[in-house]
Amino acid sequence: MTTLTRKKNKLTWHDVLRSVQMLSPQDQRRLRDELAKSAGVYLARPTGHAAAIRRGRRLAKTIQAELAAASMDSLDETMTRLRGQSWSS
């Protein structure tokens, strides 16, 4: 018998790192290259201030809603849809 809990799973940066590591080396390079094109994007450890934590939680809810609404296409399909044919050429 399986016991289900109502506890929501929270996505951590460790989870994101593990997910990226599961990608093929080619897709990892392509993802890295796409991220490098985005100016001003970086990861930083959040401050412990209450206002920063509240803002982070609001942003996380927004991202979770976007991910829930997104289709689960492959990386190629998603990048082609978002950026056009230049991704695959």
PDB file of N, CA and C in Angstrom:
ATOM      1  N   MET A   1       0.845  -1.178   0.000  1.00  0.00           N
ATOM      2  CA  MET A   1       0.000   0.000   0.000  1.00  0.00           C
ATOM      3  C   MET A   1       0.888   1.238   0.000  1.00  0.00           C
ATOM      4  N   THR A   2       0.521   2.215  -0.797  1.00  0.00           N
ATOM      5  CA  THR A   2       1.272   3.461  -0.895  1.00  0.00           C
ATOM      6  C   THR A   2       0.591   4.529  -0.055  1.00  0.00           C
ATOM      7  N   THR A   3       1.390   5.223   0.722  1.00  0.00           N
ATOM      8  CA  THR A   3       0.866   6.311   1.538  1.00  0.00           C
ATOM      9  C   THR A   3       1.234   7.629   0.863  1.00  0.00           C
ATOM     10  N   LEU A   4       0.244   8.425   0.599  1.00  0.00           N
ATOM     11  CA  LEU A   4       0.473   9.716  -0.034  1.00  0.00           C
ATOM     12  C   LEU A   4       0.368  10.812   1.017  1.00  0.00           C
ATOM     13  N   THR A   5       1.224  11.799   0.912  1.00  0.00           N
ATOM     14  CA  THR A   5       1.169  12.929   1.833  1.00  0.00           C
ATOM     15  C   THR A   5       0.740  14.161   1.073  1.00  0.00           C
ATOM     16  N   ARG A   6       0.371  15.166   1.790  1.00  0.00           N
ATOM     17  CA  ARG A   6      -0.021  16.425   1.167  1.00  0.00           C
ATOM     18  C   ARG A   6       1.149  17.397   1.085  1.00  0.00           C
ATOM     19  N   LYS A   7       2.313  16.965   1.499  1.00  0.00           N
ATOM     20  CA  LYS A   7       3.491  17.813   1.464  1.00  0.00           C
ATOM     21  C   LYS A   7       3.865  18.121   0.023  1.00  0.00           C
ATOM     22  N   LYS A   8       4.036  19.395  -0.264  1.00  0.00           N
ATOM     23  CA  LYS A   8       4.429  19.809  -1.606  1.00  0.00           C
ATOM     24  C   LYS A   8       5.937  19.678  -1.735  1.00  0.00           C
ATOM     25  N   ASN A   9       6.377  19.147  -2.854  1.00  0.00           N
ATOM     26  CA  ASN A   9       7.803  19.053  -3.116  1.00  0.00           C
ATOM     27  C   ASN A   9       8.299  20.408  -3.573  1.00  0.00           C
ATOM     28  N   LYS A  10       9.392  20.850  -2.965  1.00  0.00           N
ATOM     29  CA  LYS A  10       9.972  22.130  -3.348  1.00  0.00           C
ATOM     30  C   LYS A  10      11.197  21.870  -4.212  1.00  0.00           C
ATOM     31  N   LEU A  11      11.280  22.561  -5.310  1.00  0.00           N
ATOM     32  CA  LEU A  11      12.394  22.423  -6.231  1.00  0.00           C
ATOM     33  C   LEU A  11      13.562  23.246  -5.699  1.00  0.00           C
ATOM     34  N   THR A  12      14.714  22.629  -5.568  1.00  0.00           N
ATOM     35  CA  THR A  12      15.913  23.323  -5.107  1.00  0.00           C
ATOM     36  C   THR A  12      16.899  23.431  -6.251  1.00  0.00           C
ATOM     37  N   TRP A  13      17.947  24.190  -6.057  1.00  0.00           N
ATOM     38  CA  TRP A  13      18.949  24.308  -7.107  1.00  0.00           C
ATOM     39  C   TRP A  13      19.676  22.988  -7.303  1.00  0.00           C
ATOM     40  N   HIS A  14      19.709  22.156  -6.248  1.00  0.00           N
ATOM     41  CA  HIS A  14      20.289  20.825  -6.397  1.00  0.00           C
ATOM     42  C   HIS A  14      19.459  19.992  -7.388  1.00  0.00           C
ATOM     43  N   ASP A  15      18.134  20.114  -7.294  1.00  0.00           N
ATOM     44  CA  ASP A  15      17.252  19.392  -8.215  1.00  0.00           C
ATOM     45  C   ASP A  15      17.478  19.853  -9.656  1.00  0.00           C
ATOM     46  N   VAL A  16      17.616  21.160  -9.837  1.00  0.00           N
ATOM     47  CA  VAL A  16      17.856  21.701 -11.174  1.00  0.00           C
ATOM     48  C   VAL A  16      19.188  21.183 -11.706  1.00  0.00           C
ATOM     49  N   LEU A  17      20.212  21.189 -10.847  1.00  0.00           N
ATOM     50  CA  LEU A  17      21.528  20.694 -11.263  1.00  0.00           C
ATOM     51  C   LEU A  17      21.458  19.226 -11.670  1.00  0.00           C
ATOM     52  N   ARG A  18      20.762  18.407 -10.878  1.00  0.00           N
ATOM     53  CA  ARG A  18      20.618  16.992 -11.222  1.00  0.00           C
ATOM     54  C   ARG A  18      19.881  16.826 -12.549  1.00  0.00           C
ATOM     55  N   SER A  19      18.877  17.643 -12.774  1.00  0.00           N
ATOM     56  CA  SER A  19      18.122  17.561 -14.031  1.00  0.00           C
ATOM     57  C   SER A  19      19.002  17.913 -15.226  1.00  0.00           C
ATOM     58  N   VAL A  20      19.817  18.944 -15.068  1.00  0.00           N
ATOM     59  CA  VAL A  20      20.712  19.335 -16.155  1.00  0.00           C
ATOM     60  C   VAL A  20      21.745  18.242 -16.401  1.00  0.00           C
ATOM     61  N   GLN A  21      22.222  17.612 -15.339  1.00  0.00           N
ATOM     62  CA  GLN A  21      23.215  16.549 -15.489  1.00  0.00           C
ATOM     63  C   GLN A  21      22.637  15.340 -16.213  1.00  0.00           C
ATOM     64  N   MET A  22      21.325  15.171 -16.194  1.00  0.00           N
ATOM     65  CA  MET A  22      20.702  14.050 -16.886  1.00  0.00           C
ATOM     66  C   MET A  22      20.603  14.302 -18.392  1.00  0.00           C
ATOM     67  N   LEU A  23      20.796  15.549 -18.809  1.00  0.00           N
ATOM     68  CA  LEU A  23      20.786  15.858 -20.244  1.00  0.00           C
ATOM     69  C   LEU A  23      22.026  15.264 -20.899  1.00  0.00           C
ATOM     70  N   SER A  24      21.926  15.032 -22.176  1.00  0.00           N
ATOM     71  CA  SER A  24      23.097  14.554 -22.919  1.00  0.00           C
ATOM     72  C   SER A  24      24.144  15.666 -22.927  1.00  0.00           C
ATOM     73  N   PRO A  25      25.418  15.327 -23.070  1.00  0.00           N
ATOM     74  CA  PRO A  25      26.456  16.372 -23.121  1.00  0.00           C
ATOM     75  C   PRO A  25      26.195  17.416 -24.207  1.00  0.00           C
ATOM     76  N   GLN A  26      25.669  16.968 -25.333  1.00  0.00           N
ATOM     77  CA  GLN A  26      25.365  17.904 -26.416  1.00  0.00           C
ATOM     78  C   GLN A  26      24.280  18.898 -25.975  1.00  0.00           C
ATOM     79  N   ASP A  27      23.217  18.402 -25.342  1.00  0.00           N
ATOM     80  CA  ASP A  27      22.158  19.301 -24.871  1.00  0.00           C
ATOM     81  C   ASP A  27      22.649  20.202 -23.746  1.00  0.00           C
ATOM     82  N   GLN A  28      23.554  19.717 -22.911  1.00  0.00           N
ATOM     83  CA  GLN A  28      24.130  20.564 -21.867  1.00  0.00           C
ATOM     84  C   GLN A  28      24.893  21.732 -22.481  1.00  0.00           C
ATOM     85  N   ARG A  29      25.686  21.444 -23.518  1.00  0.00           N
ATOM     86  CA  ARG A  29      26.430  22.511 -24.194  1.00  0.00           C
ATOM     87  C   ARG A  29      25.478  23.500 -24.855  1.00  0.00           C
ATOM     88  N   ARG A  30      24.444  22.988 -25.484  1.00  0.00           N
ATOM     89  CA  ARG A  30      23.479  23.868 -26.152  1.00  0.00           C
ATOM     90  C   ARG A  30      22.749  24.740 -25.139  1.00  0.00           C
ATOM     91  N   LEU A  31      22.386  24.154 -23.999  1.00  0.00           N
ATOM     92  CA  LEU A  31      21.723  24.922 -22.952  1.00  0.00           C
ATOM     93  C   LEU A  31      22.661  25.994 -22.407  1.00  0.00           C
ATOM     94  N   ARG A  32      23.931  25.617 -22.160  1.00  0.00           N
ATOM     95  CA  ARG A  32      24.915  26.578 -21.679  1.00  0.00           C
ATOM     96  C   ARG A  32      25.077  27.723 -22.666  1.00  0.00           C
ATOM     97  N   ASP A  33      25.139  27.398 -23.960  1.00  0.00           N
ATOM     98  CA  ASP A  33      25.293  28.433 -24.982  1.00  0.00           C
ATOM     99  C   ASP A  33      24.082  29.363 -25.025  1.00  0.00           C
ATOM    100  N   GLU A  34      22.896  28.805 -24.884  1.00  0.00           N
ATOM    101  CA  GLU A  34      21.689  29.635 -24.872  1.00  0.00           C
ATOM    102  C   GLU A  34      21.657  30.540 -23.637  1.00  0.00           C
ATOM    103  N   LEU A  35      22.050  30.003 -22.497  1.00  0.00           N
ATOM    104  CA  LEU A  35      22.085  30.820 -21.285  1.00  0.00           C
ATOM    105  C   LEU A  35      23.125  31.928 -21.396  1.00  0.00           C
ATOM    106  N   ALA A  36      24.233  31.645 -22.086  1.00  0.00           N
ATOM    107  CA  ALA A  36      25.279  32.650 -22.264  1.00  0.00           C
ATOM    108  C   ALA A  36      24.792  33.813 -23.119  1.00  0.00           C
ATOM    109  N   LYS A  37      23.824  33.574 -23.980  1.00  0.00           N
ATOM    110  CA  LYS A  37      23.276  34.639 -24.824  1.00  0.00           C
ATOM    111  C   LYS A  37      22.436  35.624 -24.019  1.00  0.00           C
ATOM    112  N   SER A  38      21.915  35.176 -22.882  1.00  0.00           N
ATOM    113  CA  SER A  38      21.053  36.021 -22.058  1.00  0.00           C
ATOM    114  C   SER A  38      21.921  36.954 -21.216  1.00  0.00           C
ATOM    115  N   ALA A  39      21.886  38.208 -21.530  1.00  0.00           N
ATOM    116  CA  ALA A  39      22.696  39.185 -20.801  1.00  0.00           C
ATOM    117  C   ALA A  39      22.134  39.384 -19.393  1.00  0.00           C
ATOM    118  N   GLY A  40      23.011  39.435 -18.426  1.00  0.00           N
ATOM    119  CA  GLY A  40      22.599  39.742 -17.060  1.00  0.00           C
ATOM    120  C   GLY A  40      21.987  38.590 -16.295  1.00  0.00           C
ATOM    121  N   VAL A  41      22.053  37.383 -16.814  1.00  0.00           N
ATOM    122  CA  VAL A  41      21.497  36.245 -16.097  1.00  0.00           C
ATOM    123  C   VAL A  41      22.611  35.595 -15.291  1.00  0.00           C
ATOM    124  N   TYR A  42      22.397  35.460 -14.002  1.00  0.00           N
ATOM    125  CA  TYR A  42      23.379  34.817 -13.154  1.00  0.00           C
ATOM    126  C   TYR A  42      22.682  34.211 -11.940  1.00  0.00           C
ATOM    127  N   LEU A  43      23.368  33.321 -11.291  1.00  0.00           N
ATOM    128  CA  LEU A  43      22.845  32.710 -10.081  1.00  0.00           C
ATOM    129  C   LEU A  43      23.603  33.280  -8.893  1.00  0.00           C
ATOM    130  N   ALA A  44      22.874  33.592  -7.846  1.00  0.00           N
ATOM    131  CA  ALA A  44      23.504  34.096  -6.634  1.00  0.00           C
ATOM    132  C   ALA A  44      22.746  33.544  -5.434  1.00  0.00           C
ATOM    133  N   ARG A  45      23.480  33.287  -4.376  1.00  0.00           N
ATOM    134  CA  ARG A  45      22.843  32.817  -3.151  1.00  0.00           C
ATOM    135  C   ARG A  45      21.974  33.949  -2.612  1.00  0.00           C
ATOM    136  N   PRO A  46      20.721  33.671  -2.280  1.00  0.00           N
ATOM    137  CA  PRO A  46      19.823  34.730  -1.816  1.00  0.00           C
ATOM    138  C   PRO A  46      20.234  35.244  -0.428  1.00  0.00           C
ATOM    139  N   THR A  47      19.892  36.490  -0.188  1.00  0.00           N
ATOM    140  CA  THR A  47      20.127  37.050   1.144  1.00  0.00           C
ATOM    141  C   THR A  47      19.097  36.490   2.102  1.00  0.00           C
ATOM    142  N   GLY A  48      19.343  36.627   3.366  1.00  0.00           N
ATOM    143  CA  GLY A  48      18.410  36.103   4.364  1.00  0.00           C
ATOM    144  C   GLY A  48      17.347  37.100   4.783  1.00  0.00           C
ATOM    145  N   HIS A  49      17.274  38.241   4.097  1.00  0.00           N
ATOM    146  CA  HIS A  49      16.303  39.264   4.473  1.00  0.00           C
ATOM    147  C   HIS A  49      14.885  38.801   4.165  1.00  0.00           C
ATOM    148  N   ALA A  50      13.967  39.128   5.043  1.00  0.00           N
ATOM    149  CA  ALA A  50      12.569  38.693   4.895  1.00  0.00           C
ATOM    150  C   ALA A  50      11.962  39.185   3.576  1.00  0.00           C
ATOM    151  N   ALA A  51      12.275  40.410   3.189  1.00  0.00           N
ATOM    152  CA  ALA A  51      11.720  40.949   1.935  1.00  0.00           C
ATOM    153  C   ALA A  51      12.234  40.163   0.732  1.00  0.00           C
ATOM    154  N   ALA A  52      13.508  39.782   0.758  1.00  0.00           N
ATOM    155  CA  ALA A  52      14.077  39.003  -0.347  1.00  0.00           C
ATOM    156  C   ALA A  52      13.443  37.616  -0.403  1.00  0.00           C
ATOM    157  N   ILE A  53      13.200  37.029   0.741  1.00  0.00           N
ATOM    158  CA  ILE A  53      12.569  35.709   0.792  1.00  0.00           C
ATOM    159  C   ILE A  53      11.143  35.777   0.248  1.00  0.00           C
ATOM    160  N   ARG A  54      10.390  36.796   0.645  1.00  0.00           N
ATOM    161  CA  ARG A  54       9.021  36.958   0.136  1.00  0.00           C
ATOM    162  C   ARG A  54       9.029  37.155  -1.374  1.00  0.00           C
ATOM    163  N   ARG A  55       9.941  37.994  -1.864  1.00  0.00           N
ATOM    164  CA  ARG A  55      10.027  38.232  -3.313  1.00  0.00           C
ATOM    165  C   ARG A  55      10.396  36.947  -4.045  1.00  0.00           C
ATOM    166  N   GLY A  56      11.328  36.197  -3.489  1.00  0.00           N
ATOM    167  CA  GLY A  56      11.720  34.929  -4.103  1.00  0.00           C
ATOM    168  C   GLY A  56      10.570  33.943  -4.158  1.00  0.00           C
ATOM    169  N   ARG A  57       9.794  33.879  -3.112  1.00  0.00           N
ATOM    170  CA  ARG A  57       8.637  32.968  -3.100  1.00  0.00           C
ATOM    171  C   ARG A  57       7.598  33.390  -4.119  1.00  0.00           C
ATOM    172  N   ARG A  58       7.376  34.695  -4.267  1.00  0.00           N
ATOM    173  CA  ARG A  58       6.431  35.173  -5.281  1.00  0.00           C
ATOM    174  C   ARG A  58       6.927  34.815  -6.677  1.00  0.00           C
ATOM    175  N   LEU A  59       8.214  35.036  -6.926  1.00  0.00           N
ATOM    176  CA  LEU A  59       8.778  34.690  -8.232  1.00  0.00           C
ATOM    177  C   LEU A  59       8.704  33.183  -8.476  1.00  0.00           C
ATOM    178  N   ALA A  60       8.960  32.393  -7.447  1.00  0.00           N
ATOM    179  CA  ALA A  60       8.900  30.937  -7.590  1.00  0.00           C
ATOM    180  C   ALA A  60       7.489  30.489  -7.962  1.00  0.00           C
ATOM    181  N   LYS A  61       6.476  31.089  -7.344  1.00  0.00           N
ATOM    182  CA  LYS A  61       5.094  30.736  -7.674  1.00  0.00           C
ATOM    183  C   LYS A  61       4.785  31.080  -9.128  1.00  0.00           C
ATOM    184  N   THR A  62       5.283  32.220  -9.591  1.00  0.00           N
ATOM    185  CA  THR A  62       5.077  32.614 -10.985  1.00  0.00           C
ATOM    186  C   THR A  62       5.725  31.609 -11.930  1.00  0.00           C
ATOM    187  N   ILE A  63       6.955  31.213 -11.623  1.00  0.00           N
ATOM    188  CA  ILE A  63       7.671  30.255 -12.464  1.00  0.00           C
ATOM    189  C   ILE A  63       6.989  28.898 -12.430  1.00  0.00           C
ATOM    190  N   GLN A  64       6.552  28.465 -11.248  1.00  0.00           N
ATOM    191  CA  GLN A  64       5.861  27.177 -11.139  1.00  0.00           C
ATOM    192  C   GLN A  64       4.582  27.176 -11.965  1.00  0.00           C
ATOM    193  N   ALA A  65       3.863  28.294 -11.973  1.00  0.00           N
ATOM    194  CA  ALA A  65       2.638  28.390 -12.777  1.00  0.00           C
ATOM    195  C   ALA A  65       2.970  28.306 -14.266  1.00  0.00           C
ATOM    196  N   GLU A  66       4.050  28.963 -14.685  1.00  0.00           N
ATOM    197  CA  GLU A  66       4.461  28.892 -16.086  1.00  0.00           C
ATOM    198  C   GLU A  66       4.869  27.472 -16.464  1.00  0.00           C
ATOM    199  N   LEU A  67       5.608  26.807 -15.590  1.00  0.00           N
ATOM    200  CA  LEU A  67       6.030  25.436 -15.880  1.00  0.00           C
ATOM    201  C   LEU A  67       4.845  24.479 -15.919  1.00  0.00           C
ATOM    202  N   ALA A  68       3.875  24.694 -15.047  1.00  0.00           N
ATOM    203  CA  ALA A  68       2.700  23.826 -15.027  1.00  0.00           C
ATOM    204  C   ALA A  68       1.895  23.964 -16.322  1.00  0.00           C
ATOM    205  N   ALA A  69       1.908  25.169 -16.878  1.00  0.00           N
ATOM    206  CA  ALA A  69       1.152  25.410 -18.110  1.00  0.00           C
ATOM    207  C   ALA A  69       1.930  25.004 -19.359  1.00  0.00           C
ATOM    208  N   ALA A  70       3.226  24.798 -19.211  1.00  0.00           N
ATOM    209  CA  ALA A  70       4.069  24.490 -20.369  1.00  0.00           C
ATOM    210  C   ALA A  70       3.932  23.034 -20.779  1.00  0.00           C
ATOM    211  N   SER A  71       4.156  22.803 -22.051  1.00  0.00           N
ATOM    212  CA  SER A  71       4.153  21.425 -22.533  1.00  0.00           C
ATOM    213  C   SER A  71       5.529  20.829 -22.273  1.00  0.00           C
ATOM    214  N   MET A  72       5.600  19.528 -22.214  1.00  0.00           N
ATOM    215  CA  MET A  72       6.857  18.847 -21.925  1.00  0.00           C
ATOM    216  C   MET A  72       7.496  18.363 -23.231  1.00  0.00           C
ATOM    217  N   ASP A  73       7.883  19.313 -24.077  1.00  0.00           N
ATOM    218  CA  ASP A  73       8.548  18.994 -25.336  1.00  0.00           C
ATOM    219  C   ASP A  73      10.016  18.693 -25.072  1.00  0.00           C
ATOM    220  N   SER A  74      10.692  18.191 -26.079  1.00  0.00           N
ATOM    221  CA  SER A  74      12.135  18.000 -25.972  1.00  0.00           C
ATOM    222  C   SER A  74      12.805  19.372 -26.010  1.00  0.00           C
ATOM    223  N   LEU A  75      14.073  19.414 -25.672  1.00  0.00           N
ATOM    224  CA  LEU A  75      14.806  20.670 -25.704  1.00  0.00           C
ATOM    225  C   LEU A  75      14.794  21.268 -27.103  1.00  0.00           C
ATOM    226  N   ASP A  76      15.015  20.430 -28.126  1.00  0.00           N
ATOM    227  CA  ASP A  76      15.004  20.932 -29.506  1.00  0.00           C
ATOM    228  C   ASP A  76      13.657  21.526 -29.881  1.00  0.00           C
ATOM    229  N   GLU A  77      12.584  20.824 -29.550  1.00  0.00           N
ATOM    230  CA  GLU A  77      11.251  21.318 -29.899  1.00  0.00           C
ATOM    231  C   GLU A  77      10.953  22.635 -29.191  1.00  0.00           C
ATOM    232  N   THR A  78      11.314  22.713 -27.923  1.00  0.00           N
ATOM    233  CA  THR A  78      11.049  23.925 -27.157  1.00  0.00           C
ATOM    234  C   THR A  78      11.854  25.099 -27.692  1.00  0.00           C
ATOM    235  N   MET A  79      13.144  24.885 -27.944  1.00  0.00           N
ATOM    236  CA  MET A  79      13.975  25.982 -28.424  1.00  0.00           C
ATOM    237  C   MET A  79      13.561  26.416 -29.829  1.00  0.00           C
ATOM    238  N   THR A  80      13.163  25.485 -30.666  1.00  0.00           N
ATOM    239  CA  THR A  80      12.687  25.836 -32.002  1.00  0.00           C
ATOM    240  C   THR A  80      11.414  26.675 -31.892  1.00  0.00           C
ATOM    241  N   ARG A  81      10.522  26.271 -30.993  1.00  0.00           N
ATOM    242  CA  ARG A  81       9.276  27.016 -30.805  1.00  0.00           C
ATOM    243  C   ARG A  81       9.558  28.416 -30.274  1.00  0.00           C
ATOM    244  N   LEU A  82      10.502  28.546 -29.329  1.00  0.00           N
ATOM    245  CA  LEU A  82      10.767  29.837 -28.718  1.00  0.00           C
ATOM    246  C   LEU A  82      11.640  30.745 -29.572  1.00  0.00           C
ATOM    247  N   ARG A  83      12.622  30.171 -30.250  1.00  0.00           N
ATOM    248  CA  ARG A  83      13.598  30.980 -30.970  1.00  0.00           C
ATOM    249  C   ARG A  83      13.491  30.853 -32.479  1.00  0.00           C
ATOM    250  N   GLY A  84      12.752  29.895 -32.954  1.00  0.00           N
ATOM    251  CA  GLY A  84      12.644  29.716 -34.393  1.00  0.00           C
ATOM    252  C   GLY A  84      13.661  28.723 -34.908  1.00  0.00           C
ATOM    253  N   GLN A  85      13.758  28.652 -36.187  1.00  0.00           N
ATOM    254  CA  GLN A  85      14.602  27.656 -36.831  1.00  0.00           C
ATOM    255  C   GLN A  85      16.092  27.857 -36.596  1.00  0.00           C
ATOM    256  N   SER A  86      16.507  29.049 -36.178  1.00  0.00           N
ATOM    257  CA  SER A  86      17.937  29.307 -35.994  1.00  0.00           C
ATOM    258  C   SER A  86      18.546  28.410 -34.926  1.00  0.00           C
ATOM    259  N   TRP A  87      17.746  27.919 -33.978  1.00  0.00           N
ATOM    260  CA  TRP A  87      18.250  27.043 -32.923  1.00  0.00           C
ATOM    261  C   TRP A  87      18.798  25.747 -33.515  1.00  0.00           C
ATOM    262  N   SER A  88      18.095  25.148 -34.438  1.00  0.00           N
ATOM    263  CA  SER A  88      18.500  23.849 -34.931  1.00  0.00           C
ATOM    264  C   SER A  88      19.464  23.906 -36.108  1.00  0.00           C
ATOM    265  N   SER A  89      19.715  25.094 -36.641  1.00  0.00           N
ATOM    266  CA  SER A  89      20.611  25.129 -37.784  1.00  0.00           C
ATOM    267  C   SER A  89      22.048  25.312 -37.369  1.00  0.00           C
TER     268      SER A  89
END
